[in-house]
PDB file of N, CA and C in Angstrom:
ATOM      1  N   UNK A   1       0.555  -1.100  -0.190  1.00  0.00           N
ATOM      2  CA  UNK A   1      -0.210  -0.268   0.188  1.00  0.00           C
ATOM      3  C   UNK A   1       0.951   1.229  -0.275  1.00  0.00           C
ATOM      4  N   UNK A   2       2.014   1.430   0.093  1.00  0.00           N
ATOM      5  CA  UNK A   2       2.970   2.420   0.812  1.00  0.00           C
ATOM      6  C   UNK A   2       3.105   3.202  -0.688  1.00  0.00           C
ATOM      7  N   UNK A   3       3.316   2.290  -1.805  1.00  0.00           N
ATOM      8  CA  UNK A   3       3.535   2.940  -3.172  1.00  0.00           C
ATOM      9  C   UNK A   3       2.307   3.434  -3.619  1.00  0.00           C
ATOM     10  N   UNK A   4       1.890   3.063  -3.878  1.00  0.00           N
ATOM     11  CA  UNK A   4       0.140   3.704  -4.144  1.00  0.00           C
ATOM     12  C   UNK A   4       0.196   4.829  -3.447  1.00  0.00           C
ATOM     13  N   UNK A   5       0.134   5.211  -1.929  1.00  0.00           N
ATOM     14  CA  UNK A   5       0.395   6.192  -1.559  1.00  0.00           C
ATOM     15  C   UNK A   5       1.548   7.086  -1.895  1.00  0.00           C
ATOM     16  N   UNK A   6       2.326   6.868  -1.585  1.00  0.00           N
ATOM     17  CA  UNK A   6       3.449   7.522  -2.478  1.00  0.00           C
ATOM     18  C   UNK A   6       3.306   7.979  -3.762  1.00  0.00           C
ATOM     19  N   UNK A   7       3.238   7.398  -4.671  1.00  0.00           N
ATOM     20  CA  UNK A   7       2.406   7.867  -6.171  1.00  0.00           C
ATOM     21  C   UNK A   7       1.476   8.781  -5.899  1.00  0.00           C
ATOM     22  N   UNK A   8       0.802   8.618  -5.038  1.00  0.00           N
ATOM     23  CA  UNK A   8      -0.863  10.023  -5.144  1.00  0.00           C
ATOM     24  C   UNK A   8       0.294  11.172  -4.799  1.00  0.00           C
ATOM     25  N   UNK A   9       0.954  11.135  -3.874  1.00  0.00           N
ATOM     26  CA  UNK A   9       1.772  12.399  -3.226  1.00  0.00           C
ATOM     27  C   UNK A   9       2.572  12.766  -4.384  1.00  0.00           C
ATOM     28  N   UNK A  10       2.840  11.928  -5.042  1.00  0.00           N
ATOM     29  CA  UNK A  10       4.053  12.189  -6.269  1.00  0.00           C
ATOM     30  C   UNK A  10       3.267  12.701  -7.836  1.00  0.00           C
ATOM     31  N   UNK A  11       2.208  12.232  -7.616  1.00  0.00           N
ATOM     32  CA  UNK A  11       1.624  12.742  -8.969  1.00  0.00           C
ATOM     33  C   UNK A  11       0.988  14.002  -8.375  1.00  0.00           C
ATOM     34  N   UNK A  12       0.334  14.146  -7.619  1.00  0.00           N
ATOM     35  CA  UNK A  12      -0.203  15.516  -6.835  1.00  0.00           C
ATOM     36  C   UNK A  12       0.850  17.219  -6.935  1.00  0.00           C
ATOM     37  N   UNK A  13       2.198  16.284  -5.758  1.00  0.00           N
ATOM     38  CA  UNK A  13       2.936  17.176  -5.973  1.00  0.00           C
ATOM     39  C   UNK A  13       3.733  17.785  -7.466  1.00  0.00           C
ATOM     40  N   UNK A  14       3.723  16.473  -8.663  1.00  0.00           N
ATOM     41  CA  UNK A  14       4.342  17.512  -9.509  1.00  0.00           C
ATOM     42  C   UNK A  14       3.249  17.662 -10.598  1.00  0.00           C
ATOM     43  N   UNK A  15       1.494  18.169 -10.263  1.00  0.00           N
ATOM     44  CA  UNK A  15       1.045  18.937 -10.649  1.00  0.00           C
ATOM     45  C   UNK A  15       1.160  20.400  -9.850  1.00  0.00           C
ATOM     46  N   UNK A  16       1.198  20.311  -8.587  1.00  0.00           N
ATOM     47  CA  UNK A  16       1.586  21.837  -8.112  1.00  0.00           C
ATOM     48  C   UNK A  16       2.701  22.232  -8.254  1.00  0.00           C
ATOM     49  N   UNK A  17       3.821  21.408  -8.380  1.00  0.00           N
ATOM     50  CA  UNK A  17       5.486  22.063  -8.407  1.00  0.00           C
ATOM     51  C   UNK A  17       6.244  22.086  -9.588  1.00  0.00           C
ATOM     52  N   UNK A  18       5.752  21.652 -10.671  1.00  0.00           N
ATOM     53  CA  UNK A  18       6.924  21.170 -11.848  1.00  0.00           C
ATOM     54  C   UNK A  18       6.294  21.800 -12.707  1.00  0.00           C
ATOM     55  N   UNK A  19       6.952  23.138 -13.265  1.00  0.00           N
ATOM     56  CA  UNK A  19       6.763  23.428 -14.205  1.00  0.00           C
ATOM     57  C   UNK A  19       7.427  22.656 -15.894  1.00  0.00           C
ATOM     58  N   UNK A  20       6.978  23.218 -17.058  1.00  0.00           N
ATOM     59  CA  UNK A  20       7.851  22.478 -18.228  1.00  0.00           C
ATOM     60  C   UNK A  20       9.127  23.508 -18.218  1.00  0.00           C
ATOM     61  N   UNK A  21      10.414  22.786 -18.858  1.00  0.00           N
ATOM     62  CA  UNK A  21      11.367  22.964 -18.989  1.00  0.00           C
ATOM     63  C   UNK A  21      12.165  23.073 -17.818  1.00  0.00           C
ATOM     64  N   UNK A  22      11.491  22.845 -16.997  1.00  0.00           N
ATOM     65  CA  UNK A  22      12.594  22.342 -15.358  1.00  0.00           C
ATOM     66  C   UNK A  22      12.796  20.937 -15.018  1.00  0.00           C
ATOM     67  N   UNK A  23      13.948  20.682 -14.092  1.00  0.00           N
ATOM     68  CA  UNK A  23      13.788  19.093 -13.825  1.00  0.00           C
ATOM     69  C   UNK A  23      12.666  18.504 -12.855  1.00  0.00           C
ATOM     70  N   UNK A  24      12.262  17.605 -13.682  1.00  0.00           N
ATOM     71  CA  UNK A  24      11.093  17.323 -12.674  1.00  0.00           C
ATOM     72  C   UNK A  24      11.329  17.115 -11.598  1.00  0.00           C
ATOM     73  N   UNK A  25       9.999  16.857 -10.726  1.00  0.00           N
ATOM     74  CA  UNK A  25      10.139  16.202  -8.875  1.00  0.00           C
ATOM     75  C   UNK A  25      10.517  14.845  -8.937  1.00  0.00           C
ATOM     76  N   UNK A  26      11.588  14.308  -8.316  1.00  0.00           N
ATOM     77  CA  UNK A  26      11.633  12.722  -8.219  1.00  0.00           C
ATOM     78  C   UNK A  26      11.365  12.169  -7.007  1.00  0.00           C
ATOM     79  N   UNK A  27      10.858  11.297  -6.521  1.00  0.00           N
ATOM     80  CA  UNK A  27      10.422  10.890  -5.203  1.00  0.00           C
ATOM     81  C   UNK A  27      11.681  11.343  -4.250  1.00  0.00           C
ATOM     82  N   UNK A  28      13.080  11.382  -4.572  1.00  0.00           N
ATOM     83  CA  UNK A  28      14.202  12.083  -3.670  1.00  0.00           C
ATOM     84  C   UNK A  28      13.876  13.298  -3.383  1.00  0.00           C
ATOM     85  N   UNK A  29      13.383  14.152  -4.060  1.00  0.00           N
ATOM     86  CA  UNK A  29      13.319  15.370  -3.894  1.00  0.00           C
ATOM     87  C   UNK A  29      12.730  15.797  -2.952  1.00  0.00           C
ATOM     88  N   UNK A  30      13.366  17.115  -1.870  1.00  0.00           N
ATOM     89  CA  UNK A  30      12.950  17.239  -0.802  1.00  0.00           C
ATOM     90  C   UNK A  30      11.637  17.954  -0.510  1.00  0.00           C
ATOM     91  N   UNK A  31      10.330  18.233  -1.735  1.00  0.00           N
ATOM     92  CA  UNK A  31       9.481  18.587  -1.032  1.00  0.00           C
ATOM     93  C   UNK A  31       8.682  17.111  -0.613  1.00  0.00           C
ATOM     94  N   UNK A  32       9.324  16.114  -1.406  1.00  0.00           N
ATOM     95  CA  UNK A  32       8.835  14.598  -1.411  1.00  0.00           C
ATOM     96  C   UNK A  32       8.578  13.969   0.194  1.00  0.00           C
ATOM     97  N   UNK A  33      10.107  14.994   1.125  1.00  0.00           N
ATOM     98  CA  UNK A  33      10.144  14.250   2.354  1.00  0.00           C
ATOM     99  C   UNK A  33       9.078  13.821   3.316  1.00  0.00           C
ATOM    100  N   UNK A  34       7.973  14.576   3.597  1.00  0.00           N
ATOM    101  CA  UNK A  34       7.208  14.170   4.783  1.00  0.00           C
ATOM    102  C   UNK A  34       5.909  13.040   3.783  1.00  0.00           C
ATOM    103  N   UNK A  35       6.069  12.844   2.564  1.00  0.00           N
ATOM    104  CA  UNK A  35       5.816  11.857   1.646  1.00  0.00           C
ATOM    105  C   UNK A  35       6.264  10.755   0.734  1.00  0.00           C
ATOM    106  N   UNK A  36       7.104   9.929   1.754  1.00  0.00           N
ATOM    107  CA  UNK A  36       7.876   9.068   0.548  1.00  0.00           C
ATOM    108  C   UNK A  36       7.512   8.014   1.524  1.00  0.00           C
ATOM    109  N   UNK A  37       7.909   6.795   0.963  1.00  0.00           N
ATOM    110  CA  UNK A  37       7.524   5.707   1.403  1.00  0.00           C
ATOM    111  C   UNK A  37       7.286   4.982   2.489  1.00  0.00           C
ATOM    112  N   UNK A  38       8.733   5.961   2.985  1.00  0.00           N
ATOM    113  CA  UNK A  38       8.946   4.701   4.155  1.00  0.00           C
ATOM    114  C   UNK A  38       8.173   5.761   5.417  1.00  0.00           C
ATOM    115  N   UNK A  39       7.313   6.800   5.108  1.00  0.00           N
ATOM    116  CA  UNK A  39       6.735   7.863   5.397  1.00  0.00           C
ATOM    117  C   UNK A  39       5.253   6.989   5.778  1.00  0.00           C
ATOM    118  N   UNK A  40       4.517   6.299   4.881  1.00  0.00           N
ATOM    119  CA  UNK A  40       3.677   5.939   4.680  1.00  0.00           C
ATOM    120  C   UNK A  40       3.254   4.491   4.933  1.00  0.00           C
ATOM    121  N   UNK A  41       4.994   4.022   4.842  1.00  0.00           N
ATOM    122  CA  UNK A  41       5.097   2.244   5.419  1.00  0.00           C
ATOM    123  C   UNK A  41       4.809   2.610   7.105  1.00  0.00           C
ATOM    124  N   UNK A  42       5.559   3.520   7.708  1.00  0.00           N
ATOM    125  CA  UNK A  42       5.706   3.665   9.041  1.00  0.00           C
ATOM    126  C   UNK A  42       3.993   4.070   9.981  1.00  0.00           C
ATOM    127  N   UNK A  43       2.953   4.823   8.684  1.00  0.00           N
ATOM    128  CA  UNK A  43       1.643   5.198   9.390  1.00  0.00           C
ATOM    129  C   UNK A  43       0.881   3.777   9.179  1.00  0.00           C
ATOM    130  N   UNK A  44       1.650   2.668   7.869  1.00  0.00           N
ATOM    131  CA  UNK A  44       0.316   1.791   7.208  1.00  0.00           C
ATOM    132  C   UNK A  44       0.651   0.998   8.715  1.00  0.00           C
ATOM    133  N   UNK A  45       1.994   0.543   8.971  1.00  0.00           N
ATOM    134  CA  UNK A  45       2.640  -0.159   9.881  1.00  0.00           C
ATOM    135  C   UNK A  45       1.435   0.054  11.908  1.00  0.00           C
ATOM    136  N   UNK A  46       1.467   1.270  11.956  1.00  0.00           N
ATOM    137  CA  UNK A  46       0.695   2.035  12.621  1.00  0.00           C
ATOM    138  C   UNK A  46      -0.710   1.843  12.987  1.00  0.00           C
ATOM    139  N   UNK A  47      -0.703   1.552  11.774  1.00  0.00           N
ATOM    140  CA  UNK A  47      -2.727   1.669  11.197  1.00  0.00           C
ATOM    141  C   UNK A  47      -3.048   2.983  11.412  1.00  0.00           C
ATOM    142  N   UNK A  48      -2.122   4.102  10.885  1.00  0.00           N
ATOM    143  CA  UNK A  48      -2.677   5.199  11.207  1.00  0.00           C
ATOM    144  C   UNK A  48      -3.213   5.819  10.610  1.00  0.00           C
ATOM    145  N   UNK A  49      -5.219   5.322   9.690  1.00  0.00           N
ATOM    146  CA  UNK A  49      -6.015   5.659   8.643  1.00  0.00           C
ATOM    147  C   UNK A  49      -5.938   7.168   8.953  1.00  0.00           C
ATOM    148  N   UNK A  50      -6.055   8.194   9.704  1.00  0.00           N
ATOM    149  CA  UNK A  50      -6.442   9.291   9.272  1.00  0.00           C
ATOM    150  C   UNK A  50      -5.142  10.129   9.106  1.00  0.00           C
ATOM    151  N   UNK A  51      -4.248   9.984  10.055  1.00  0.00           N
ATOM    152  CA  UNK A  51      -2.638  10.636   9.473  1.00  0.00           C
ATOM    153  C   UNK A  51      -2.661  10.339   8.112  1.00  0.00           C
ATOM    154  N   UNK A  52      -2.927   9.228   7.413  1.00  0.00           N
ATOM    155  CA  UNK A  52      -2.825   9.142   5.691  1.00  0.00           C
ATOM    156  C   UNK A  52      -3.888   9.725   5.511  1.00  0.00           C
ATOM    157  N   UNK A  53      -4.957   9.477   5.344  1.00  0.00           N
ATOM    158  CA  UNK A  53      -5.603  10.373   5.203  1.00  0.00           C
ATOM    159  C   UNK A  53      -5.256  12.221   4.698  1.00  0.00           C
ATOM    160  N   UNK A  54      -5.206  12.340   6.361  1.00  0.00           N
ATOM    161  CA  UNK A  54      -4.167  13.972   6.404  1.00  0.00           C
ATOM    162  C   UNK A  54      -3.128  14.359   5.019  1.00  0.00           C
ATOM    163  N   UNK A  55      -2.155  13.562   5.386  1.00  0.00           N
ATOM    164  CA  UNK A  55      -1.417  13.692   4.193  1.00  0.00           C
ATOM    165  C   UNK A  55      -2.033  13.501   2.597  1.00  0.00           C
ATOM    166  N   UNK A  56      -2.420  12.298   2.464  1.00  0.00           N
ATOM    167  CA  UNK A  56      -2.923  12.508   1.094  1.00  0.00           C
ATOM    168  C   UNK A  56      -4.079  13.982   0.667  1.00  0.00           C
ATOM    169  N   UNK A  57      -4.612  14.278   1.580  1.00  0.00           N
ATOM    170  CA  UNK A  57      -5.733  15.675   1.718  1.00  0.00           C
ATOM    171  C   UNK A  57      -4.476  16.533   0.861  1.00  0.00           C
ATOM    172  N   UNK A  58      -3.705  16.461   1.749  1.00  0.00           N
ATOM    173  CA  UNK A  58      -2.801  17.901   1.669  1.00  0.00           C
ATOM    174  C   UNK A  58      -2.363  17.796   0.140  1.00  0.00           C
ATOM    175  N   UNK A  59      -1.866  16.214  -0.379  1.00  0.00           N
ATOM    176  CA  UNK A  59      -1.346  16.412  -1.917  1.00  0.00           C
ATOM    177  C   UNK A  59      -2.335  16.699  -2.063  1.00  0.00           C
ATOM    178  N   UNK A  60      -3.921  16.420  -2.713  1.00  0.00           N
ATOM    179  CA  UNK A  60      -5.123  16.625  -3.611  1.00  0.00           C
ATOM    180  C   UNK A  60      -5.047  17.797  -3.296  1.00  0.00           C
ATOM    181  N   UNK A  61      -4.899  18.950  -1.899  1.00  0.00           N
ATOM    182  CA  UNK A  61      -5.399  20.456  -2.429  1.00  0.00           C
ATOM    183  C   UNK A  61      -4.260  21.029  -3.064  1.00  0.00           C
ATOM    184  N   UNK A  62      -3.338  20.605  -2.858  1.00  0.00           N
ATOM    185  CA  UNK A  62      -2.081  21.410  -3.873  1.00  0.00           C
ATOM    186  C   UNK A  62      -2.474  20.730  -5.710  1.00  0.00           C
ATOM    187  N   UNK A  63      -2.855  19.351  -5.712  1.00  0.00           N
ATOM    188  CA  UNK A  63      -3.408  19.076  -7.089  1.00  0.00           C
ATOM    189  C   UNK A  63      -4.455  20.160  -7.481  1.00  0.00           C
ATOM    190  N   UNK A  64      -5.696  19.980  -6.826  1.00  0.00           N
ATOM    191  CA  UNK A  64      -6.709  20.715  -6.838  1.00  0.00           C
ATOM    192  C   UNK A  64      -6.590  22.389  -7.196  1.00  0.00           C
ATOM    193  N   UNK A  65      -6.066  22.844  -6.661  1.00  0.00           N
ATOM    194  CA  UNK A  65      -5.255  24.157  -7.251  1.00  0.00           C
ATOM    195  C   UNK A  65      -4.552  24.212  -8.537  1.00  0.00           C
ATOM    196  N   UNK A  66      -3.881  23.353  -8.842  1.00  0.00           N
ATOM    197  CA  UNK A  66      -3.233  22.904  -9.961  1.00  0.00           C
ATOM    198  C   UNK A  66      -3.949  22.844 -11.079  1.00  0.00           C
ATOM    199  N   UNK A  67      -5.057  22.366 -10.934  1.00  0.00           N
ATOM    200  CA  UNK A  67      -6.266  22.227 -12.132  1.00  0.00           C
ATOM    201  C   UNK A  67      -7.274  23.128 -12.195  1.00  0.00           C
ATOM    202  N   UNK A  68      -6.954  24.136 -11.353  1.00  0.00           N
ATOM    203  CA  UNK A  68      -8.328  25.085 -11.576  1.00  0.00           C
ATOM    204  C   UNK A  68      -9.444  24.798 -10.594  1.00  0.00           C
ATOM    205  N   UNK A  69      -9.140  24.156  -9.263  1.00  0.00           N
ATOM    206  CA  UNK A  69      -9.916  23.966  -8.064  1.00  0.00           C
ATOM    207  C   UNK A  69     -11.441  23.317  -8.184  1.00  0.00           C
ATOM    208  N   UNK A  70     -12.046  22.950  -7.563  1.00  0.00           N
ATOM    209  CA  UNK A  70     -13.197  22.445  -7.769  1.00  0.00           C
ATOM    210  C   UNK A  70     -14.132  22.659  -8.482  1.00  0.00           C
ATOM    211  N   UNK A  71     -14.100  24.062  -8.715  1.00  0.00           N
ATOM    212  CA  UNK A  71     -14.778  24.194 -10.169  1.00  0.00           C
ATOM    213  C   UNK A  71     -14.786  23.718 -11.173  1.00  0.00           C
ATOM    214  N   UNK A  72     -13.783  23.064 -11.526  1.00  0.00           N
ATOM    215  CA  UNK A  72     -13.156  22.639 -13.192  1.00  0.00           C
ATOM    216  C   UNK A  72     -13.521  21.224 -13.151  1.00  0.00           C
ATOM    217  N   UNK A  73     -13.576  21.240 -14.401  1.00  0.00           N
ATOM    218  CA  UNK A  73     -14.646  19.494 -14.806  1.00  0.00           C
ATOM    219  C   UNK A  73     -12.916  18.912 -14.406  1.00  0.00           C
ATOM    220  N   UNK A  74     -11.814  19.136 -14.359  1.00  0.00           N
ATOM    221  CA  UNK A  74     -10.933  17.956 -13.625  1.00  0.00           C
ATOM    222  C   UNK A  74     -11.270  18.078 -12.084  1.00  0.00           C
ATOM    223  N   UNK A  75     -11.510  19.140 -11.448  1.00  0.00           N
ATOM    224  CA  UNK A  75     -11.502  19.519 -10.218  1.00  0.00           C
ATOM    225  C   UNK A  75     -12.770  18.616  -9.688  1.00  0.00           C
ATOM    226  N   UNK A  76     -13.663  18.609 -10.176  1.00  0.00           N
ATOM    227  CA  UNK A  76     -14.687  17.958  -9.842  1.00  0.00           C
ATOM    228  C   UNK A  76     -14.449  16.429  -9.995  1.00  0.00           C
ATOM    229  N   UNK A  77     -13.752  15.961 -11.390  1.00  0.00           N
ATOM    230  CA  UNK A  77     -13.662  14.402 -10.789  1.00  0.00           C
ATOM    231  C   UNK A  77     -12.742  13.783  -9.693  1.00  0.00           C
ATOM    232  N   UNK A  78     -11.049  14.952  -9.321  1.00  0.00           N
ATOM    233  CA  UNK A  78     -10.679  14.778  -8.427  1.00  0.00           C
ATOM    234  C   UNK A  78     -11.224  14.958  -7.268  1.00  0.00           C
ATOM    235  N   UNK A  79     -12.107  15.853  -7.137  1.00  0.00           N
ATOM    236  CA  UNK A  79     -12.909  15.580  -5.534  1.00  0.00           C
ATOM    237  C   UNK A  79     -13.611  14.404  -5.089  1.00  0.00           C
ATOM    238  N   UNK A  80     -14.416  14.114  -6.156  1.00  0.00           N
ATOM    239  CA  UNK A  80     -15.193  13.084  -6.065  1.00  0.00           C
ATOM    240  C   UNK A  80     -14.460  11.727  -5.833  1.00  0.00           C
ATOM    241  N   UNK A  81     -12.875  11.344  -6.561  1.00  0.00           N
ATOM    242  CA  UNK A  81     -11.964  10.413  -5.941  1.00  0.00           C
ATOM    243  C   UNK A  81     -11.662  10.512  -4.794  1.00  0.00           C
ATOM    244  N   UNK A  82     -11.470  11.834  -4.114  1.00  0.00           N
ATOM    245  CA  UNK A  82     -10.332  11.882  -3.160  1.00  0.00           C
ATOM    246  C   UNK A  82     -11.936  12.248  -2.212  1.00  0.00           C
ATOM    247  N   UNK A  83     -12.957  12.082  -2.133  1.00  0.00           N
ATOM    248  CA  UNK A  83     -13.666  11.518  -1.374  1.00  0.00           C
ATOM    249  C   UNK A  83     -14.012  10.297  -1.012  1.00  0.00           C
ATOM    250  N   UNK A  84     -13.848   9.588  -2.098  1.00  0.00           N
ATOM    251  CA  UNK A  84     -13.824   7.355  -2.115  1.00  0.00           C
ATOM    252  C   UNK A  84     -12.621   7.621  -0.585  1.00  0.00           C
ATOM    253  N   UNK A  85     -11.800   8.524  -0.900  1.00  0.00           N
ATOM    254  CA  UNK A  85     -10.567   7.672   0.052  1.00  0.00           C
ATOM    255  C   UNK A  85     -10.773   8.211   1.299  1.00  0.00           C
ATOM    256  N   UNK A  86     -11.477   9.147   1.583  1.00  0.00           N
ATOM    257  CA  UNK A  86     -12.130   9.833   2.874  1.00  0.00           C
ATOM    258  C   UNK A  86     -13.087   8.923   3.861  1.00  0.00           C
ATOM    259  N   UNK A  87     -13.447   7.904   2.396  1.00  0.00           N
ATOM    260  CA  UNK A  87     -14.846   7.267   3.083  1.00  0.00           C
ATOM    261  C   UNK A  87     -13.687   6.188   3.179  1.00  0.00           C
ATOM    262  N   UNK A  88     -13.018   5.385   3.174  1.00  0.00           N
ATOM    263  CA  UNK A  88     -12.992   4.402   3.373  1.00  0.00           C
ATOM    264  C   UNK A  88     -12.929   4.521   5.543  1.00  0.00           C
ATOM    265  N   UNK A  89     -13.064   3.463   6.055  1.00  0.00           N
ATOM    266  CA  UNK A  89     -12.533   3.334   7.324  1.00  0.00           C
ATOM    267  C   UNK A  89     -12.103   2.051   7.718  1.00  0.00           C
ATOM    268  N   UNK A  90     -11.137   1.482   6.792  1.00  0.00           N
ATOM    269  CA  UNK A  90      -9.844   0.900   7.561  1.00  0.00           C
ATOM    270  C   UNK A  90      -8.636   1.277   6.163  1.00  0.00           C
ATOM    271  N   UNK A  91      -7.642   0.264   6.444  1.00  0.00           N
ATOM    272  CA  UNK A  91      -6.503   0.479   5.370  1.00  0.00           C
ATOM    273  C   UNK A  91      -7.300  -0.594   3.851  1.00  0.00           C
ATOM    274  N   UNK A  92      -7.882  -1.111   4.473  1.00  0.00           N
ATOM    275  CA  UNK A  92      -8.290  -2.532   3.624  1.00  0.00           C
ATOM    276  C   UNK A  92      -9.165  -1.618   2.505  1.00  0.00           C
ATOM    277  N   UNK A  93      -9.998  -0.470   2.993  1.00  0.00           N
ATOM    278  CA  UNK A  93     -10.714  -0.011   2.221  1.00  0.00           C
ATOM    279  C   UNK A  93     -10.565   0.640   1.374  1.00  0.00           C
ATOM    280  N   UNK A  94      -9.251   1.155   2.272  1.00  0.00           N
ATOM    281  CA  UNK A  94      -8.790   2.341   1.540  1.00  0.00           C
ATOM    282  C   UNK A  94      -7.556   1.721   0.085  1.00  0.00           C
ATOM    283  N   UNK A  95      -7.556   0.505  -0.054  1.00  0.00           N
ATOM    284  CA  UNK A  95      -7.039   0.569  -1.428  1.00  0.00           C
ATOM    285  C   UNK A  95      -7.488   0.785  -2.695  1.00  0.00           C
ATOM    286  N   UNK A  96      -8.740   0.715  -2.687  1.00  0.00           N
ATOM    287  CA  UNK A  96      -9.331   0.482  -4.296  1.00  0.00           C
ATOM    288  C   UNK A  96      -9.701   2.093  -4.262  1.00  0.00           C
ATOM    289  N   UNK A  97      -9.992   3.268  -3.665  1.00  0.00           N
ATOM    290  CA  UNK A  97     -10.016   4.276  -3.572  1.00  0.00           C
ATOM    291  C   UNK A  97      -9.046   5.551  -4.104  1.00  0.00           C
ATOM    292  N   UNK A  98      -7.844   4.449  -3.586  1.00  0.00           N
ATOM    293  CA  UNK A  98      -6.706   4.959  -3.792  1.00  0.00           C
ATOM    294  C   UNK A  98      -5.734   4.670  -5.242  1.00  0.00           C
ATOM    295  N   UNK A  99      -6.253   3.487  -5.634  1.00  0.00           N
ATOM    296  CA  UNK A  99      -5.983   2.753  -6.622  1.00  0.00           C
ATOM    297  C   UNK A  99      -6.139   3.680  -7.693  1.00  0.00           C
ATOM    298  N   UNK A 100      -7.874   4.550  -7.535  1.00  0.00           N
ATOM    299  CA  UNK A 100      -8.574   4.796  -8.441  1.00  0.00           C
ATOM    300  C   UNK A 100      -7.751   6.516  -8.536  1.00  0.00           C
ATOM    301  N   UNK A 101      -7.196   6.982  -7.409  1.00  0.00           N
ATOM    302  CA  UNK A 101      -7.075   8.429  -7.618  1.00  0.00           C
ATOM    303  C   UNK A 101      -5.524   8.225  -8.197  1.00  0.00           C
ATOM    304  N   UNK A 102      -5.145   7.236  -7.854  1.00  0.00           N
ATOM    305  CA  UNK A 102      -3.346   7.350  -8.581  1.00  0.00           C
ATOM    306  C   UNK A 102      -3.906   7.443 -10.389  1.00  0.00           C
ATOM    307  N   UNK A 103      -4.676   6.447 -10.626  1.00  0.00           N
ATOM    308  CA  UNK A 103      -4.910   6.078 -12.329  1.00  0.00           C
ATOM    309  C   UNK A 103      -4.851   7.368 -12.601  1.00  0.00           C
ATOM    310  N   UNK A 104      -6.247   7.994 -11.854  1.00  0.00           N
ATOM    311  CA  UNK A 104      -6.531   9.706 -12.518  1.00  0.00           C
ATOM    312  C   UNK A 104      -5.184  10.537 -12.513  1.00  0.00           C
ATOM    313  N   UNK A 105      -5.081  10.470 -11.521  1.00  0.00           N
ATOM    314  CA  UNK A 105      -3.394  11.554 -11.168  1.00  0.00           C
ATOM    315  C   UNK A 105      -2.684  11.702 -12.129  1.00  0.00           C
ATOM    316  N   UNK A 106      -2.207   9.915 -12.631  1.00  0.00           N
ATOM    317  CA  UNK A 106      -1.575   9.473 -13.771  1.00  0.00           C
ATOM    318  C   UNK A 106      -2.100  10.002 -15.031  1.00  0.00           C
ATOM    319  N   UNK A 107      -3.315  10.030 -15.143  1.00  0.00           N
ATOM    320  CA  UNK A 107      -3.789   9.570 -16.434  1.00  0.00           C
ATOM    321  C   UNK A 107      -3.908  11.833 -16.933  1.00  0.00           C
ATOM    322  N   UNK A 108      -3.552  12.545 -15.475  1.00  0.00           N
ATOM    323  CA  UNK A 108      -3.923  14.075 -16.139  1.00  0.00           C
ATOM    324  C   UNK A 108      -2.720  15.061 -15.734  1.00  0.00           C
ATOM    325  N   UNK A 109      -1.692  14.138 -15.566  1.00  0.00           N
ATOM    326  CA  UNK A 109      -0.194  14.520 -15.904  1.00  0.00           C
ATOM    327  C   UNK A 109       0.009  15.272 -17.058  1.00  0.00           C
TER     328      UNK A 109
END
């Protein structure tokens, strides 16, 4: 589960901060410090679903701003997918909406 969490964070931060013609944001960049796989692995081992959701929300907020907000067509879809993540009541329930969110972010990159 840690890899999709990190990937959602990476794609969101790429949308927010990566400018055309500049070096791409990579997993080991400083901006990823709080969103790296080992951070998520620690939270998953602890079973801290709320902290995971908070970290994902932070990234989604940045991505939402980058694509024009919740009133844009992509923003409405992103908001709907993010709601699926927020409605998960367990780590197991988080997996499916997280993968869907990851795929969507990858498509709009």
